[in-house]
PDB file of N, CA and C in Angstrom:
ATOM      1  N   MET A   1      25.519  23.128 -22.399  1.00  0.00           N
ATOM      2  CA  MET A   1      25.670  22.031 -21.445  1.00  0.00           C
ATOM      3  C   MET A   1      26.900  21.200 -21.830  1.00  0.00           C
ATOM      4  N   GLY A   2      27.996  21.540 -21.282  1.00  0.00           N
ATOM      5  CA  GLY A   2      29.217  20.807 -21.592  1.00  0.00           C
ATOM      6  C   GLY A   2      30.322  21.190 -20.631  1.00  0.00           C
ATOM      7  N   LYS A   3      31.495  21.406 -21.199  1.00  0.00           N
ATOM      8  CA  LYS A   3      32.653  21.711 -20.363  1.00  0.00           C
ATOM      9  C   LYS A   3      32.484  23.022 -19.596  1.00  0.00           C
ATOM     10  N   GLY A   4      31.848  23.990 -20.193  1.00  0.00           N
ATOM     11  CA  GLY A   4      31.715  25.301 -19.554  1.00  0.00           C
ATOM     12  C   GLY A   4      30.600  25.382 -18.517  1.00  0.00           C
ATOM     13  N   ASP A   5      29.750  24.356 -18.464  1.00  0.00           N
ATOM     14  CA  ASP A   5      28.606  24.379 -17.565  1.00  0.00           C
ATOM     15  C   ASP A   5      28.989  23.803 -16.204  1.00  0.00           C
ATOM     16  N   LYS A   6      29.045  24.648 -15.187  1.00  0.00           N
ATOM     17  CA  LYS A   6      29.466  24.206 -13.848  1.00  0.00           C
ATOM     18  C   LYS A   6      28.435  23.309 -13.173  1.00  0.00           C
ATOM     19  N   ARG A   7      27.202  23.274 -13.699  1.00  0.00           N
ATOM     20  CA  ARG A   7      26.137  22.487 -13.062  1.00  0.00           C
ATOM     21  C   ARG A   7      26.187  21.007 -13.437  1.00  0.00           C
ATOM     22  N   THR A   8      27.003  20.650 -14.437  1.00  0.00           N
ATOM     23  CA  THR A   8      27.085  19.250 -14.861  1.00  0.00           C
ATOM     24  C   THR A   8      28.371  18.625 -14.345  1.00  0.00           C
ATOM     25  N   ALA A   9      28.396  17.304 -14.300  1.00  0.00           N
ATOM     26  CA  ALA A   9      29.582  16.588 -13.830  1.00  0.00           C
ATOM     27  C   ALA A   9      30.773  16.856 -14.745  1.00  0.00           C
ATOM     28  N   LYS A  10      30.535  16.939 -16.028  1.00  0.00           N
ATOM     29  CA  LYS A  10      31.620  17.228 -16.976  1.00  0.00           C
ATOM     30  C   LYS A  10      32.206  18.619 -16.735  1.00  0.00           C
ATOM     31  N   GLY A  11      31.332  19.580 -16.467  1.00  0.00           N
ATOM     32  CA  GLY A  11      31.783  20.940 -16.173  1.00  0.00           C
ATOM     33  C   GLY A  11      32.582  21.006 -14.879  1.00  0.00           C
ATOM     34  N   LYS A  12      32.143  20.236 -13.882  1.00  0.00           N
ATOM     35  CA  LYS A  12      32.855  20.185 -12.601  1.00  0.00           C
ATOM     36  C   LYS A  12      34.240  19.585 -12.802  1.00  0.00           C
ATOM     37  N   ARG A  13      34.320  18.539 -13.619  1.00  0.00           N
ATOM     38  CA  ARG A  13      35.618  17.909 -13.898  1.00  0.00           C
ATOM     39  C   ARG A  13      36.536  18.893 -14.605  1.00  0.00           C
ATOM     40  N   PHE A  14      35.992  19.642 -15.558  1.00  0.00           N
ATOM     41  CA  PHE A  14      36.772  20.622 -16.311  1.00  0.00           C
ATOM     42  C   PHE A  14      37.299  21.729 -15.397  1.00  0.00           C
ATOM     43  N   LYS A  15      36.453  22.207 -14.497  1.00  0.00           N
ATOM     44  CA  LYS A  15      36.839  23.265 -13.558  1.00  0.00           C
ATOM     45  C   LYS A  15      37.571  22.714 -12.337  1.00  0.00           C
ATOM     46  N   SER A  16      37.656  21.399 -12.242  1.00  0.00           N
ATOM     47  CA  SER A  16      38.191  20.669 -11.074  1.00  0.00           C
ATOM     48  C   SER A  16      37.579  21.156  -9.769  1.00  0.00           C
ATOM     49  N   SER A  17      36.244  21.121  -9.718  1.00  0.00           N
ATOM     50  CA  SER A  17      35.519  21.474  -8.503  1.00  0.00           C
ATOM     51  C   SER A  17      34.526  20.364  -8.174  1.00  0.00           C
ATOM     52  N   TYR A  18      33.940  20.452  -7.009  1.00  0.00           N
ATOM     53  CA  TYR A  18      33.007  19.430  -6.545  1.00  0.00           C
ATOM     54  C   TYR A  18      31.696  20.065  -6.137  1.00  0.00           C
ATOM     55  N   GLY A  19      30.633  19.248  -6.124  1.00  0.00           N
ATOM     56  CA  GLY A  19      29.318  19.744  -5.740  1.00  0.00           C
ATOM     57  C   GLY A  19      28.302  18.621  -5.788  1.00  0.00           C
ATOM     58  N   ASN A  20      27.021  18.962  -5.933  1.00  0.00           N
ATOM     59  CA  ASN A  20      25.968  17.953  -5.956  1.00  0.00           C
ATOM     60  C   ASN A  20      26.069  17.042  -7.167  1.00  0.00           C
ATOM     61  N   SER A  21      26.410  17.605  -8.312  1.00  0.00           N
ATOM     62  CA  SER A  21      26.495  16.797  -9.524  1.00  0.00           C
ATOM     63  C   SER A  21      27.785  15.978  -9.578  1.00  0.00           C
ATOM     64  N   ARG A  22      28.788  16.380  -8.773  1.00  0.00           N
ATOM     65  CA  ARG A  22      30.052  15.633  -8.707  1.00  0.00           C
ATOM     66  C   ARG A  22      30.503  15.554  -7.252  1.00  0.00           C
ATOM     67  N   PRO A  23      29.942  14.610  -6.490  1.00  0.00           N
ATOM     68  CA  PRO A  23      30.320  14.497  -5.080  1.00  0.00           C
ATOM     69  C   PRO A  23      31.769  14.057  -4.919  1.00  0.00           C
ATOM     70  N   GLN A  24      32.404  14.503  -3.862  1.00  0.00           N
ATOM     71  CA  GLN A  24      33.823  14.208  -3.634  1.00  0.00           C
ATOM     72  C   GLN A  24      33.953  12.973  -2.760  1.00  0.00           C
ATOM     73  N   GLY A  25      34.321  11.847  -3.365  1.00  0.00           N
ATOM     74  CA  GLY A  25      34.537  10.606  -2.622  1.00  0.00           C
ATOM     75  C   GLY A  25      33.251   9.855  -2.336  1.00  0.00           C
ATOM     76  N   SER A  26      33.327   8.529  -2.265  1.00  0.00           N
ATOM     77  CA  SER A  26      32.139   7.701  -2.044  1.00  0.00           C
ATOM     78  C   SER A  26      31.752   7.652  -0.562  1.00  0.00           C
ATOM     79  N   LYS A  27      32.718   7.850   0.355  1.00  0.00           N
ATOM     80  CA  LYS A  27      32.424   7.799   1.793  1.00  0.00           C
ATOM     81  C   LYS A  27      31.487   8.924   2.202  1.00  0.00           C
ATOM     82  N   ALA A  28      31.726  10.127   1.678  1.00  0.00           N
ATOM     83  CA  ALA A  28      30.902  11.290   2.015  1.00  0.00           C
ATOM     84  C   ALA A  28      29.462  11.089   1.551  1.00  0.00           C
ATOM     85  N   VAL A  29      29.287  10.439   0.414  1.00  0.00           N
ATOM     86  CA  VAL A  29      27.950  10.202  -0.127  1.00  0.00           C
ATOM     87  C   VAL A  29      27.174   9.246   0.773  1.00  0.00           C
ATOM     88  N   LYS A  30      27.845   8.174   1.214  1.00  0.00           N
ATOM     89  CA  LYS A  30      27.183   7.178   2.062  1.00  0.00           C
ATOM     90  C   LYS A  30      26.797   7.768   3.412  1.00  0.00           C
ATOM     91  N   LYS A  31      27.663   8.587   3.996  1.00  0.00           N
ATOM     92  CA  LYS A  31      27.377   9.182   5.304  1.00  0.00           C
ATOM     93  C   LYS A  31      26.175  10.119   5.229  1.00  0.00           C
ATOM     94  N   SER A  32      26.131  10.962   4.180  1.00  0.00           N
ATOM     95  CA  SER A  32      25.029  11.914   4.056  1.00  0.00           C
ATOM     96  C   SER A  32      23.710  11.189   3.793  1.00  0.00           C
ATOM     97  N   ALA A  33      23.756  10.092   3.043  1.00  0.00           N
ATOM     98  CA  ALA A  33      22.547   9.323   2.761  1.00  0.00           C
ATOM     99  C   ALA A  33      22.048   8.629   4.024  1.00  0.00           C
ATOM    100  N   ALA A  34      22.974   8.170   4.859  1.00  0.00           N
ATOM    101  CA  ALA A  34      22.599   7.481   6.091  1.00  0.00           C
ATOM    102  C   ALA A  34      21.939   8.438   7.087  1.00  0.00           C
ATOM    103  N   LYS A  35      22.402   9.675   7.114  1.00  0.00           N
ATOM    104  CA  LYS A  35      21.822  10.663   8.035  1.00  0.00           C
ATOM    105  C   LYS A  35      20.401  11.027   7.632  1.00  0.00           C
ATOM    106  N   LYS A  36      20.127  11.053   6.336  1.00  0.00           N
ATOM    107  CA  LYS A  36      18.806  11.446   5.845  1.00  0.00           C
ATOM    108  C   LYS A  36      17.796  10.310   5.907  1.00  0.00           C
ATOM    109  N   ALA A  37      18.256   9.063   6.052  1.00  0.00           N
ATOM    110  CA  ALA A  37      17.382   7.895   5.984  1.00  0.00           C
ATOM    111  C   ALA A  37      16.294   7.849   7.070  1.00  0.00           C
ATOM    112  N   PRO A  38      16.642   8.026   8.373  1.00  0.00           N
ATOM    113  CA  PRO A  38      15.581   7.907   9.392  1.00  0.00           C
ATOM    114  C   PRO A  38      14.568   9.048   9.280  1.00  0.00           C
ATOM    115  N   LYS A  39      13.290   8.667   9.162  1.00  0.00           N
ATOM    116  CA  LYS A  39      12.239   9.676   9.061  1.00  0.00           C
ATOM    117  C   LYS A  39      11.354   9.634  10.285  1.00  0.00           C
ATOM    118  N   LYS A  40      10.922  10.778  10.735  1.00  0.00           N
ATOM    119  CA  LYS A  40      10.009  10.862  11.891  1.00  0.00           C
ATOM    120  C   LYS A  40       8.576  10.810  11.371  1.00  0.00           C
ATOM    121  N   GLY A  41       7.752  10.020  12.060  1.00  0.00           N
ATOM    122  CA  GLY A  41       6.363  10.000  11.656  1.00  0.00           C
ATOM    123  C   GLY A  41       5.957   8.658  11.303  1.00  0.00           C
TER     124      GLY A  41
END
């Protein structure tokens, strides 16, 4: 679990990639959270 692990934020930074553990930009995070907020029922 470190630089070589793509599943961690440190690994994503090392590989310069993005994903769930390292979301790209704060705007994208807020939009996705807003879409999931309304629940039916």
